Amino acid sequence: LTRRLKNIVEMYPEGTQQLSELIQNADDAKASVVKFVVSKKQHGTSSLLGQKMSEWQGGALYCYNDATFTARDFKNLSQIGQASKLEKLVTTGRFGL
């Protein structure tokens, strides 16, 4: 799963495409609220599985929507990056997120 996520992130173009993807996901799920939160919090590094992970303990962008997470959503999450949209490079949602 982490390898698939890494590949998806590397395929994203620079710019706002990631935000559009998250908003589209919320819309597909019939959410009525979408919120983004930027955190500049720095996290500790003493309990990481590997030292290389320490550079990822900084700021983060969180996205929230009020849609209900379903069993189908969980199944889709377990198959992330395997969707047929992955082949369509101009489609919102093409990364299977």
Protein backbone atom coordinates (compact mmCIF):
# COMPACT_ATOMS: atom_id res chain seq x y z
CA LEU A 1 0.00 0.00 0.00
CA THR A 2 2.76 2.47 0.88
CA ARG A 3 4.56 1.73 -2.39
CA ARG A 4 1.34 2.38 -4.34
CA LEU A 5 0.80 5.65 -2.46
CA LYS A 6 4.39 6.71 -3.19
CA ASN A 7 3.89 6.01 -6.90
CA ILE A 8 0.64 7.98 -6.95
CA VAL A 9 2.24 10.99 -5.24
CA GLU A 10 5.14 10.93 -7.71
CA MET A 11 2.69 10.92 -10.66
CA TYR A 12 0.84 14.04 -9.51
CA PRO A 13 1.67 17.19 -11.45
CA GLU A 14 2.73 20.28 -9.53
CA GLY A 15 -0.04 22.72 -8.70
CA THR A 16 -3.51 22.35 -7.26
CA GLN A 17 -4.46 18.99 -8.81
CA GLN A 18 -4.26 17.25 -5.42
CA LEU A 19 -6.77 19.67 -3.90
CA SER A 20 -9.13 19.19 -6.83
CA GLU A 21 -8.87 15.43 -6.33
CA LEU A 22 -9.83 15.68 -2.65
CA ILE A 23 -12.74 18.03 -3.41
CA GLN A 24 -13.96 15.68 -6.15
CA ASN A 25 -13.79 12.74 -3.73
CA ALA A 26 -15.93 14.66 -1.24
CA ASP A 27 -18.42 15.55 -3.96
CA ASP A 28 -18.60 11.92 -5.12
CA ALA A 29 -19.33 10.89 -1.52
CA LYS A 30 -22.15 13.49 -1.29
CA ALA A 31 -20.37 15.51 1.39
CA SER A 32 -21.86 18.89 2.28
CA VAL A 33 -18.67 20.16 3.96
CA VAL A 34 -15.02 20.07 2.87
CA LYS A 35 -12.33 21.64 5.05
CA PHE A 36 -8.57 21.95 4.66
CA VAL A 37 -6.26 22.54 7.63
CA VAL A 38 -2.56 23.36 7.39
CA SER A 39 -0.47 22.19 10.33
CA LYS A 40 3.09 23.40 10.87
CA LYS A 41 3.59 21.12 13.88
CA GLN A 42 6.89 19.23 14.07
CA HIS A 43 6.70 15.68 15.42
CA GLY A 44 9.35 13.71 17.29
CA THR A 45 11.57 11.21 15.55
CA SER A 46 12.66 8.87 18.35
CA SER A 47 10.01 6.19 17.69
CA LEU A 48 10.19 5.94 13.89
CA LEU A 49 10.73 2.64 12.09
CA GLY A 50 13.62 4.15 10.17
CA GLN A 51 15.70 7.33 10.27
CA LYS A 52 14.74 8.23 6.68
CA MET A 53 11.20 8.83 7.94
CA SER A 54 12.36 11.78 10.05
CA GLU A 55 12.13 14.23 7.13
CA TRP A 56 8.38 13.49 6.91
CA GLN A 57 7.63 14.53 10.50
CA GLY A 58 7.02 18.20 9.71
CA GLY A 59 4.01 20.11 8.47
CA ALA A 60 0.93 18.53 6.93
CA LEU A 61 -2.21 19.35 4.99
CA TYR A 62 -5.33 17.71 6.39
CA CYS A 63 -8.57 17.35 4.46
CA TYR A 64 -11.93 16.65 6.10
CA ASN A 65 -15.37 16.05 4.64
CA ASP A 66 -18.59 15.09 6.40
CA ALA A 67 -19.49 12.10 4.24
CA THR A 68 -19.97 8.72 5.91
CA PHE A 69 -17.13 6.25 5.32
CA THR A 70 -18.70 3.03 4.04
CA ALA A 71 -17.56 -0.58 3.72
CA ARG A 72 -17.23 0.04 -0.02
CA ASP A 73 -14.98 3.05 0.69
CA PHE A 74 -12.76 0.83 2.83
CA LYS A 75 -12.56 -1.74 0.02
CA ASN A 76 -11.68 0.98 -2.49
CA LEU A 77 -9.00 2.32 -0.14
CA SER A 78 -7.43 -1.13 0.06
CA GLN A 79 -7.21 -1.12 -3.75
CA ILE A 80 -5.85 2.43 -4.04
CA GLY A 81 -4.00 3.16 -7.26
CA GLN A 82 -5.56 0.22 -9.08
CA ALA A 83 -8.60 2.03 -10.45
CA SER A 84 -9.25 2.17 -14.19
CA LYS A 85 -9.09 5.98 -14.02
CA LEU A 86 -5.34 5.67 -13.39
CA GLU A 87 -4.89 5.24 -17.14
CA LYS A 88 -6.76 8.48 -17.96
CA LEU A 89 -4.26 11.24 -17.26
CA VAL A 90 -6.74 14.12 -17.64
CA THR A 91 -9.50 12.70 -15.44
CA THR A 92 -10.16 14.07 -11.96
CA GLY A 93 -9.94 11.06 -9.70
CA ARG A 94 -7.50 9.30 -12.00
CA PHE A 95 -5.14 8.43 -9.15
CA GLY A 96 -7.72 6.22 -7.49
CA LEU A 97 -7.78 8.27 -4.29
